[in-house]
Amino acid sequence: MIVTGSGIDELNKLGRLAPGVPMAKSGVGAAVPAGAPRPDISSGEALKRALLASKSIALSPGPSGVYLSSLFEKWGVAEELKSKMKQAGGLIGDVVARGEAEIGFQQVSELLSIKGITYLGPLSDDIQLITVFSGAVHNQAKNPAGASALLKFLTSPDAARAIRKSGMEPG
């Protein structure tokens, strides 16, 4: 299985998985429709100003959207942004590319391959959320040796280049 590190930990506590191996770290990024003005997202304060000035915001229902919603609460702007927010399943980049949102947020790896958007970059360090994805072998795996070999490869230096190319950092 490959899921968030916390997901692996929960399943491990239930006795369903072997201990997990961190595989990749993924941050949250932002995108706008291709050709649209590029708002300043260089700091948390700059992002807050950009969001308050925006007309529409797309968030994922996943970890990045949950985190950003809590960040908006912390900033005291959640109510002001509520009418602008669109929570969409699937790829937020597609929502932004169709012009359904002026700015969108999702894991960097989910934004990089989307056509029709301009990737603005990751959230600034002062507000970034890093999700760690880990792998583990299920205790009922039909081929546990093969699964272990795959995890070993996916955490090797040979896989690091592909992980970086996808917008993540190795484990």
Protein backbone atom coordinates (compact mmCIF):
# COMPACT_ATOMS: atom_id res chain seq x y z
CA MET A 1 0.00 0.00 0.00
CA ILE A 2 1.09 3.56 -0.64
CA VAL A 3 -0.77 6.19 1.37
CA THR A 4 -0.01 9.03 3.76
CA GLY A 5 2.36 8.20 6.57
CA SER A 6 -0.46 8.64 9.10
CA GLY A 7 -2.62 6.22 7.11
CA ILE A 8 0.15 3.62 7.21
CA ASP A 9 0.55 4.17 10.96
CA GLU A 10 -3.18 3.63 11.56
CA LEU A 11 -3.25 0.41 9.55
CA ASN A 12 -0.06 -0.74 11.24
CA LYS A 13 -1.69 -0.27 14.67
CA LEU A 14 -4.54 -2.49 13.48
CA GLY A 15 -2.00 -5.18 12.58
CA ARG A 16 -2.73 -5.08 8.85
CA LEU A 17 0.61 -3.80 7.59
CA ALA A 18 4.30 -4.17 8.16
CA PRO A 19 5.99 -0.95 9.36
CA GLY A 20 5.88 1.78 6.74
CA VAL A 21 8.74 3.23 4.73
CA PRO A 22 8.65 6.97 3.89
CA MET A 23 8.74 7.29 0.10
CA ALA A 24 7.98 10.87 -0.93
CA LYS A 25 7.19 14.29 0.53
CA SER A 26 4.65 16.46 -1.20
CA GLY A 27 3.87 20.11 -0.61
CA VAL A 28 0.87 22.22 -1.57
CA GLY A 29 1.07 24.40 -4.67
CA ALA A 30 -1.05 27.05 -6.35
CA ALA A 31 -2.17 27.59 -9.94
CA VAL A 32 -4.14 30.09 -12.02
CA PRO A 33 -5.63 29.74 -15.50
CA ALA A 34 -3.01 29.98 -18.26
CA GLY A 35 -2.47 33.60 -19.25
CA ALA A 36 -4.12 35.00 -16.11
CA PRO A 37 -2.28 37.50 -13.90
CA ARG A 38 0.09 35.85 -11.43
CA PRO A 39 -0.82 36.84 -7.87
CA ASP A 40 1.92 37.17 -5.27
CA ILE A 41 2.08 34.01 -3.15
CA SER A 42 5.60 34.63 -1.83
CA SER A 43 4.50 34.64 1.84
CA GLY A 44 1.47 33.80 3.92
CA GLU A 45 0.53 37.47 4.14
CA ALA A 46 0.89 37.93 0.37
CA LEU A 47 -1.27 34.87 -0.26
CA LYS A 48 -3.93 36.11 2.15
CA ARG A 49 -4.08 39.45 0.28
CA ALA A 50 -4.30 37.61 -3.06
CA LEU A 51 -7.14 35.41 -1.82
CA LEU A 52 -9.08 38.33 -0.41
CA ALA A 53 -8.75 40.07 -3.79
CA SER A 54 -9.70 36.97 -5.81
CA LYS A 55 -13.16 36.19 -7.14
CA SER A 56 -13.01 32.39 -6.80
CA ILE A 57 -10.85 29.78 -5.10
CA ALA A 58 -10.71 26.01 -5.75
CA LEU A 59 -9.69 23.61 -3.00
CA SER A 60 -9.33 19.86 -2.95
CA PRO A 61 -11.36 17.87 -0.41
CA GLY A 62 -8.07 16.11 0.43
CA PRO A 63 -5.30 17.05 2.86
CA SER A 64 -4.37 20.29 1.07
CA GLY A 65 -7.94 21.64 1.10
CA VAL A 66 -8.55 20.63 4.71
CA TYR A 67 -5.30 22.32 5.70
CA LEU A 68 -6.04 25.53 3.76
CA SER A 69 -9.54 25.75 5.23
CA SER A 70 -8.02 25.58 8.71
CA LEU A 71 -5.40 28.16 7.71
CA PHE A 72 -8.16 30.54 6.57
CA GLU A 73 -9.82 30.05 9.99
CA LYS A 74 -6.53 30.79 11.74
CA TRP A 75 -6.11 33.95 9.65
CA GLY A 76 -9.66 35.03 10.54
CA VAL A 77 -10.76 35.25 6.89
CA ALA A 78 -12.71 32.00 6.49
CA GLU A 79 -16.12 33.69 6.49
CA GLU A 80 -14.95 36.32 4.01
CA LEU A 81 -13.59 33.63 1.65
CA LYS A 82 -16.47 31.16 2.08
CA SER A 83 -18.59 32.49 -0.80
CA LYS A 84 -15.55 32.39 -3.13
CA MET A 85 -14.55 28.80 -2.38
CA LYS A 86 -15.32 25.86 -4.57
CA GLN A 87 -14.40 22.47 -3.20
CA ALA A 88 -14.00 20.01 -6.02
CA GLY A 89 -13.04 16.38 -6.20
CA GLY A 90 -10.49 15.25 -8.73
CA LEU A 91 -7.81 17.49 -10.10
CA ILE A 92 -8.06 21.12 -9.04
CA GLY A 93 -5.89 22.05 -12.01
CA ASP A 94 -8.70 20.94 -14.32
CA VAL A 95 -11.16 23.18 -12.44
CA VAL A 96 -8.76 26.12 -12.81
CA ALA A 97 -8.04 25.33 -16.49
CA ARG A 98 -11.79 25.40 -17.25
CA GLY A 99 -11.98 28.88 -15.69
CA GLU A 100 -14.20 27.73 -12.83
CA ALA A 101 -11.78 29.24 -10.30
CA GLU A 102 -9.37 32.15 -10.42
CA ILE A 103 -6.83 30.33 -8.23
CA GLY A 104 -6.58 26.74 -7.05
CA PHE A 105 -4.57 24.70 -4.58
CA GLN A 106 -3.56 21.07 -4.46
CA GLN A 107 -0.50 18.89 -3.97
CA VAL A 108 2.24 20.14 -6.33
CA SER A 109 2.42 16.71 -7.97
CA GLU A 110 -1.27 16.98 -8.89
CA LEU A 111 -0.84 20.37 -10.58
CA LEU A 112 2.32 19.98 -12.67
CA SER A 113 0.89 17.88 -15.49
CA ILE A 114 -2.30 19.88 -16.06
CA LYS A 115 -2.59 21.75 -19.35
CA GLY A 116 -4.28 25.15 -19.36
CA ILE A 117 -2.90 26.42 -16.06
CA THR A 118 0.06 28.42 -14.88
CA TYR A 119 1.69 26.77 -11.90
CA LEU A 120 2.60 29.57 -9.48
CA GLY A 121 4.79 27.45 -7.24
CA PRO A 122 4.61 25.89 -3.81
CA LEU A 123 3.18 27.68 -0.81
CA SER A 124 5.80 29.68 1.06
CA ASP A 125 7.71 28.00 3.87
CA ASP A 126 5.85 29.97 6.55
CA ILE A 127 2.56 28.26 5.61
CA GLN A 128 3.56 25.12 3.68
CA LEU A 129 2.11 21.74 4.60
CA ILE A 130 4.23 18.73 3.72
CA THR A 131 2.48 15.39 3.36
CA VAL A 132 4.65 12.30 3.64
CA PHE A 133 3.58 9.34 1.55
CA SER A 134 4.76 5.97 2.79
CA GLY A 135 4.60 2.42 1.55
CA ALA A 136 4.08 -0.79 3.45
CA VAL A 137 3.43 -4.44 2.73
CA HIS A 138 -0.03 -5.70 3.68
CA ASN A 139 0.01 -8.73 5.95
CA GLN A 140 -2.13 -10.65 3.44
CA ALA A 141 -0.07 -9.75 0.36
CA LYS A 142 0.07 -12.60 -2.16
CA ASN A 143 3.71 -11.76 -2.96
CA PRO A 144 5.26 -10.04 0.06
CA ALA A 145 8.80 -10.47 -1.29
CA GLY A 146 7.83 -8.76 -4.55
CA ALA A 147 6.06 -5.98 -2.67
CA SER A 148 9.12 -5.46 -0.47
CA ALA A 149 11.35 -5.36 -3.55
CA LEU A 150 9.10 -2.72 -5.13
CA LEU A 151 9.22 -0.58 -1.97
CA LYS A 152 12.98 -0.95 -1.86
CA PHE A 153 13.23 0.28 -5.46
CA LEU A 154 10.77 3.16 -4.90
CA THR A 155 12.92 4.42 -2.00
CA SER A 156 16.21 4.00 -3.85
CA PRO A 157 18.37 6.72 -5.43
CA ASP A 158 17.31 5.34 -8.83
CA ALA A 159 13.71 6.40 -8.15
CA ALA A 160 14.60 9.82 -6.69
CA ARG A 161 14.79 11.56 -10.08
CA ALA A 162 11.30 10.44 -11.07
CA ILE A 163 9.94 11.46 -7.67
CA ARG A 164 11.44 14.95 -8.04
CA LYS A 165 10.18 15.26 -11.62
CA SER A 166 6.66 14.59 -10.36
CA GLY A 167 6.86 17.55 -7.95
CA MET A 168 7.74 15.65 -4.78
CA GLU A 169 10.90 15.04 -2.79
CA PRO A 170 12.23 11.60 -1.91
CA GLY A 171 11.14 10.17 1.46
